[in-house]
């Protein structure tokens, strides 16, 4: 049996696929979830999968998870996967939603690193941060999410350099569109946000909101399977010399190429046009 790995946000999407992929490679998996129903589903995967009730914004649950994992023998890998996506025009985003976006996608991964780092130092382990191509090139109307991923990229770069003497490596995984529940949740959240707009804001952004809701559902249909990202997570954990970044998906590569060759203002127009075409 390979060394133990903690995966946060393990109840669905990339997290659930990562648990399956790690078990298939004979890892011991600690699977962080927020409710008992998800924990029960994971227990059915066998004795090498141990669910933990772990809300990544709950300091007490993070501390309890670190204590339990440490008492069981230690930890080799931390996969910081749990996240949410807040979208909409920045002019109208409620600031409490913006704070929540950063609390979950930025503060929580750092809290997990701080709690688990003593265990990872002992094993010369690895930290895998699930970022997004949105952390390298931001799209309109997903500013909060993109900003949180940009922040995660910067924190990961700093952390990787800081931990260099310790032997603990930090690796970023940057998918494009992935077929997960996040798209439908985003579409529903966008519709709910628009319902709260004042009349002027609703009129100003009506077409954009409709486009984003349609685009979210189109991305769900077009996204790559979460299992492809899970395979990259496993590769990052087992490679003798892992890359610092893994870009996953053709759409992610195309967006990075666009950023490299097209100046900002023409790129803004191209991105809006492409989003409108896909979201029509």
Protein backbone atom coordinates (compact mmCIF):
# COMPACT_ATOMS: atom_id res chain seq x y z
CA UNK A 1 0.00 0.00 0.00
CA UNK A 2 1.26 3.46 -0.92
CA UNK A 3 1.50 6.36 1.52
CA UNK A 4 -1.60 8.19 2.80
CA UNK A 5 -3.09 11.21 1.00
CA UNK A 6 -5.72 13.70 2.18
CA UNK A 7 -8.17 14.95 -0.47
CA UNK A 8 -10.45 17.83 0.45
CA UNK A 9 -13.81 18.34 -1.25
CA UNK A 10 -14.01 14.60 -1.87
CA UNK A 11 -17.78 14.21 -2.12
CA UNK A 12 -18.13 15.10 -5.82
CA UNK A 13 -16.41 16.30 -8.96
CA UNK A 14 -12.62 16.32 -9.13
CA UNK A 15 -12.31 15.36 -5.45
CA UNK A 16 -14.43 12.23 -5.81
CA UNK A 17 -12.58 11.25 -8.98
CA UNK A 18 -9.24 11.79 -7.23
CA UNK A 19 -10.26 9.46 -4.41
CA UNK A 20 -11.12 6.74 -6.95
CA UNK A 21 -7.89 7.23 -8.89
CA UNK A 22 -5.74 7.15 -5.75
CA UNK A 23 -7.42 4.00 -4.49
CA UNK A 24 -6.81 2.38 -7.87
CA UNK A 25 -3.09 3.12 -7.42
CA UNK A 26 -3.12 1.52 -3.97
CA UNK A 27 -2.94 4.73 -1.92
CA UNK A 28 -4.48 5.07 1.52
CA UNK A 29 -6.95 7.97 1.20
CA UNK A 30 -8.34 10.35 3.78
CA UNK A 31 -11.41 11.88 2.10
CA UNK A 32 -12.62 15.23 3.45
CA UNK A 33 -16.37 15.81 3.16
CA UNK A 34 -18.90 18.11 4.82
CA UNK A 35 -21.76 15.72 5.62
CA UNK A 36 -22.38 12.22 6.88
CA UNK A 37 -24.25 11.11 3.74
CA UNK A 38 -21.14 11.73 1.63
CA UNK A 39 -18.99 10.01 4.25
CA UNK A 40 -21.20 6.94 4.11
CA UNK A 41 -20.85 6.73 0.32
CA UNK A 42 -17.09 6.86 0.63
CA UNK A 43 -16.94 4.15 3.29
CA UNK A 44 -18.36 1.79 0.70
CA UNK A 45 -15.13 2.16 -1.30
CA UNK A 46 -13.23 -0.06 1.13
CA UNK A 47 -10.96 0.03 4.12
CA UNK A 48 -8.24 2.11 2.41
CA UNK A 49 -10.66 5.05 2.15
CA UNK A 50 -11.42 6.86 5.41
CA UNK A 51 -13.86 9.77 5.24
CA UNK A 52 -13.36 12.76 7.50
CA UNK A 53 -15.98 15.38 8.32
CA UNK A 54 -13.98 18.36 7.16
CA UNK A 55 -15.42 21.75 6.36
CA UNK A 56 -12.28 23.54 5.17
CA UNK A 57 -13.45 26.81 6.73
CA UNK A 58 -13.81 25.19 10.16
CA UNK A 59 -10.59 25.53 12.17
CA UNK A 60 -11.64 22.95 14.75
CA UNK A 61 -12.36 20.32 12.09
CA UNK A 62 -9.02 21.02 10.38
CA UNK A 63 -7.18 20.58 13.70
CA UNK A 64 -9.09 17.37 14.48
CA UNK A 65 -8.26 15.98 11.03
CA UNK A 66 -4.55 16.72 11.48
CA UNK A 67 -4.55 15.08 14.90
CA UNK A 68 -6.34 11.96 13.66
CA UNK A 69 -4.14 11.57 10.58
CA UNK A 70 -1.01 12.10 12.64
CA UNK A 71 -2.09 9.51 15.22
CA UNK A 72 -2.72 7.02 12.41
CA UNK A 73 0.84 7.22 11.11
CA UNK A 74 1.28 10.39 9.10
CA UNK A 75 0.63 11.89 5.70
CA UNK A 76 2.43 11.95 2.36
CA UNK A 77 0.12 14.05 0.19
CA UNK A 78 -2.33 16.92 0.63
CA UNK A 79 -4.67 17.57 -2.31
CA UNK A 80 -6.23 20.98 -1.72
CA UNK A 81 -9.27 20.54 -3.94
CA UNK A 82 -12.28 21.95 -2.06
CA UNK A 83 -13.56 25.12 -3.68
CA UNK A 84 -16.54 27.17 -4.79
CA UNK A 85 -17.20 29.48 -7.74
CA UNK A 86 -18.84 32.88 -7.35
CA UNK A 87 -19.68 34.70 -10.55
CA UNK A 88 -21.50 37.73 -11.88
CA UNK A 89 -20.66 41.34 -12.76
CA UNK A 90 -18.21 42.71 -10.21
CA UNK A 91 -20.23 45.89 -9.98
CA UNK A 92 -23.06 43.91 -8.42
CA UNK A 93 -21.35 41.08 -6.48
CA UNK A 94 -22.37 41.21 -2.80
CA UNK A 95 -19.18 41.71 -0.84
CA UNK A 96 -20.03 38.92 1.59
CA UNK A 97 -20.03 36.51 -1.38
CA UNK A 98 -16.63 37.84 -2.45
CA UNK A 99 -15.31 37.27 1.07
CA UNK A 100 -16.72 33.73 1.10
CA UNK A 101 -15.04 33.04 -2.26
CA UNK A 102 -11.66 33.94 -0.80
CA UNK A 103 -12.33 32.21 2.52
CA UNK A 104 -12.93 28.87 0.78
CA UNK A 105 -10.54 29.06 -2.18
CA UNK A 106 -7.62 30.98 -0.67
CA UNK A 107 -7.63 31.08 3.14
CA UNK A 108 -8.73 27.46 3.60
CA UNK A 109 -5.92 25.91 1.52
CA UNK A 110 -3.38 27.87 3.57
CA UNK A 111 -5.06 26.71 6.79
CA UNK A 112 -4.83 23.09 5.59
CA UNK A 113 -1.16 23.52 4.69
CA UNK A 114 -0.36 25.00 8.09
CA UNK A 115 -2.11 22.14 9.88
CA UNK A 116 -0.68 19.31 7.77
CA UNK A 117 2.83 20.62 7.15
CA UNK A 118 4.41 19.00 10.24
CA UNK A 119 3.23 15.62 8.94
CA UNK A 120 4.33 16.37 5.37
CA UNK A 121 7.79 17.44 6.52
CA UNK A 122 8.33 14.09 8.19
CA UNK A 123 7.40 12.19 5.03
CA UNK A 124 9.06 14.58 2.54
CA UNK A 125 5.60 14.75 1.05
CA UNK A 126 3.78 16.77 -1.58
CA UNK A 127 1.06 19.43 -1.70
CA UNK A 128 -1.15 19.47 -4.79
CA UNK A 129 -3.17 22.66 -5.27
CA UNK A 130 -6.17 22.39 -7.56
CA UNK A 131 -6.15 25.71 -9.35
CA UNK A 132 -7.62 26.55 -12.76
CA UNK A 133 -6.55 28.06 -16.04
CA UNK A 134 -8.68 30.92 -14.68
CA UNK A 135 -5.81 31.48 -12.27
CA UNK A 136 -3.64 32.48 -15.23
CA UNK A 137 -6.16 34.24 -17.51
CA UNK A 138 -9.40 35.70 -16.17
CA UNK A 139 -12.72 35.76 -18.02
CA UNK A 140 -15.40 38.42 -17.56
CA UNK A 141 -18.19 37.70 -15.09
CA UNK A 142 -16.17 35.12 -13.13
CA UNK A 143 -13.93 37.71 -11.48
CA UNK A 144 -14.29 36.46 -7.89
CA UNK A 145 -13.45 32.88 -8.85
CA UNK A 146 -10.58 33.89 -11.15
CA UNK A 147 -9.17 36.25 -8.52
CA UNK A 148 -9.21 33.47 -5.92
CA UNK A 149 -7.33 31.17 -8.29
CA UNK A 150 -4.82 33.89 -9.16
CA UNK A 151 -4.23 34.26 -5.42
CA UNK A 152 -3.83 30.50 -5.02
CA UNK A 153 -1.25 30.47 -7.82
CA UNK A 154 0.77 33.21 -6.13
CA UNK A 155 0.58 31.57 -2.72
CA UNK A 156 1.64 28.24 -4.21
CA UNK A 157 4.65 29.81 -5.94
CA UNK A 158 5.75 31.43 -2.69
CA UNK A 159 5.12 28.25 -0.70
CA UNK A 160 7.06 26.09 -3.15
CA UNK A 161 10.12 28.32 -2.79
CA UNK A 162 9.76 28.56 1.00
CA UNK A 163 9.55 24.79 1.41
CA UNK A 164 12.45 24.01 -0.91
CA UNK A 165 14.89 23.26 1.95
CA UNK A 166 12.35 20.96 3.63
CA UNK A 167 11.90 18.54 0.74
CA UNK A 168 8.14 19.17 0.57
CA UNK A 169 7.08 19.98 -2.98
CA UNK A 170 4.12 22.13 -4.10
CA UNK A 171 2.43 21.41 -7.44
CA UNK A 172 -0.37 23.29 -9.21
CA UNK A 173 -2.97 21.53 -11.35
CA UNK A 174 -4.70 23.93 -13.77
CA UNK A 175 -7.75 22.44 -15.54
CA UNK A 176 -9.96 24.15 -18.05
CA UNK A 177 -13.64 23.24 -18.15
CA UNK A 178 -14.35 20.00 -16.28
CA UNK A 179 -17.66 18.15 -16.29
CA UNK A 180 -18.66 18.62 -12.64
CA UNK A 181 -21.59 19.86 -10.58
CA UNK A 182 -19.95 23.28 -10.21
CA UNK A 183 -21.37 24.47 -13.55
CA UNK A 184 -25.02 23.85 -12.70
CA UNK A 185 -24.50 25.29 -9.23
CA UNK A 186 -22.93 28.34 -10.89
CA UNK A 187 -25.86 28.72 -13.27
CA UNK A 188 -28.33 28.58 -10.39
CA UNK A 189 -26.29 31.03 -8.31
CA UNK A 190 -26.04 33.43 -11.25
CA UNK A 191 -29.79 33.38 -11.73
CA UNK A 192 -30.36 33.97 -8.01
CA UNK A 193 -27.88 36.87 -8.02
CA UNK A 194 -29.62 38.50 -10.98
CA UNK A 195 -32.97 38.23 -9.21
CA UNK A 196 -31.59 40.55 -6.55
CA UNK A 197 -30.37 43.26 -8.93
CA UNK A 198 -31.97 46.68 -8.84
CA UNK A 199 -33.92 47.49 -12.04
CA UNK A 200 -31.11 49.53 -13.63
CA UNK A 201 -28.47 46.85 -13.01
CA UNK A 202 -30.85 44.14 -14.20
CA UNK A 203 -31.40 46.00 -17.47
CA UNK A 204 -27.69 46.71 -17.92
CA UNK A 205 -26.57 43.10 -17.46
CA UNK A 206 -29.63 41.10 -18.57
CA UNK A 207 -28.02 39.76 -21.74
CA UNK A 208 -24.72 39.02 -19.98
CA UNK A 209 -26.41 37.10 -17.17
CA UNK A 210 -28.37 35.00 -19.66
CA UNK A 211 -25.17 34.37 -21.60
CA UNK A 212 -23.31 33.24 -18.46
CA UNK A 213 -26.10 30.90 -17.37
CA UNK A 214 -26.17 29.32 -20.84
CA UNK A 215 -22.37 29.21 -20.95
CA UNK A 216 -22.20 27.43 -17.60
CA UNK A 217 -24.49 24.69 -18.91
CA UNK A 218 -22.56 24.51 -22.19
CA UNK A 219 -19.30 24.05 -20.29
CA UNK A 220 -20.85 21.23 -18.30
CA UNK A 221 -21.64 19.50 -21.59
CA UNK A 222 -18.26 20.26 -23.17
CA UNK A 223 -16.01 19.78 -20.14
CA UNK A 224 -13.47 17.00 -19.84
CA UNK A 225 -14.24 14.17 -17.40
CA UNK A 226 -13.11 14.76 -13.83
CA UNK A 227 -11.20 11.46 -14.10
CA UNK A 228 -8.71 13.14 -16.46
CA UNK A 229 -7.84 15.69 -13.81
CA UNK A 230 -7.68 12.93 -11.19
CA UNK A 231 -5.12 11.07 -13.29
CA UNK A 232 -2.96 14.20 -13.36
CA UNK A 233 -3.24 14.53 -9.58
CA UNK A 234 -1.95 10.97 -9.21
CA UNK A 235 0.87 11.73 -11.65
CA UNK A 236 1.86 14.77 -9.59
CA UNK A 237 2.05 12.61 -6.47
CA UNK A 238 4.02 9.71 -7.96
CA UNK A 239 6.33 11.37 -10.51
CA UNK A 240 9.97 11.25 -9.54
CA UNK A 241 10.40 14.86 -10.66
CA UNK A 242 6.95 16.43 -10.97
CA UNK A 243 6.33 19.63 -12.88
CA UNK A 244 5.49 22.75 -10.93
CA UNK A 245 2.31 23.13 -13.05
CA UNK A 246 0.09 20.74 -14.99
CA UNK A 247 -2.32 22.29 -17.51
CA UNK A 248 -5.26 19.96 -18.20
CA UNK A 249 -7.56 20.24 -21.21
CA UNK A 250 -7.27 21.66 -24.73
CA UNK A 251 -9.38 24.69 -23.84
CA UNK A 252 -6.98 25.55 -21.04
CA UNK A 253 -4.01 25.35 -23.42
CA UNK A 254 -5.79 27.50 -25.98
CA UNK A 255 -6.57 30.19 -23.42
CA UNK A 256 -2.94 30.31 -22.32
CA UNK A 257 -1.82 30.55 -25.95
CA UNK A 258 -4.28 33.40 -26.46
CA UNK A 259 -2.85 35.20 -23.46
CA UNK A 260 0.67 34.78 -24.80
CA UNK A 261 0.09 36.06 -28.34
CA UNK A 262 -2.85 38.51 -28.22
CA UNK A 263 -2.60 41.91 -26.46
CA UNK A 264 -5.00 42.64 -23.61
CA UNK A 265 -7.64 44.80 -25.32
CA UNK A 266 -8.05 42.67 -28.47
CA UNK A 267 -8.11 39.62 -26.21
CA UNK A 268 -10.93 41.15 -24.16
CA UNK A 269 -13.01 41.47 -27.32
CA UNK A 270 -12.14 37.98 -28.53
CA UNK A 271 -13.05 36.41 -25.18
CA UNK A 272 -16.39 38.21 -24.98
CA UNK A 273 -17.23 37.22 -28.55
CA UNK A 274 -16.29 33.58 -27.91
CA UNK A 275 -18.30 33.48 -24.69
CA UNK A 276 -21.34 34.94 -26.43
CA UNK A 277 -21.09 32.37 -29.21
CA UNK A 278 -20.84 29.47 -26.76
CA UNK A 279 -23.54 30.91 -24.49
CA UNK A 280 -26.05 31.71 -27.19
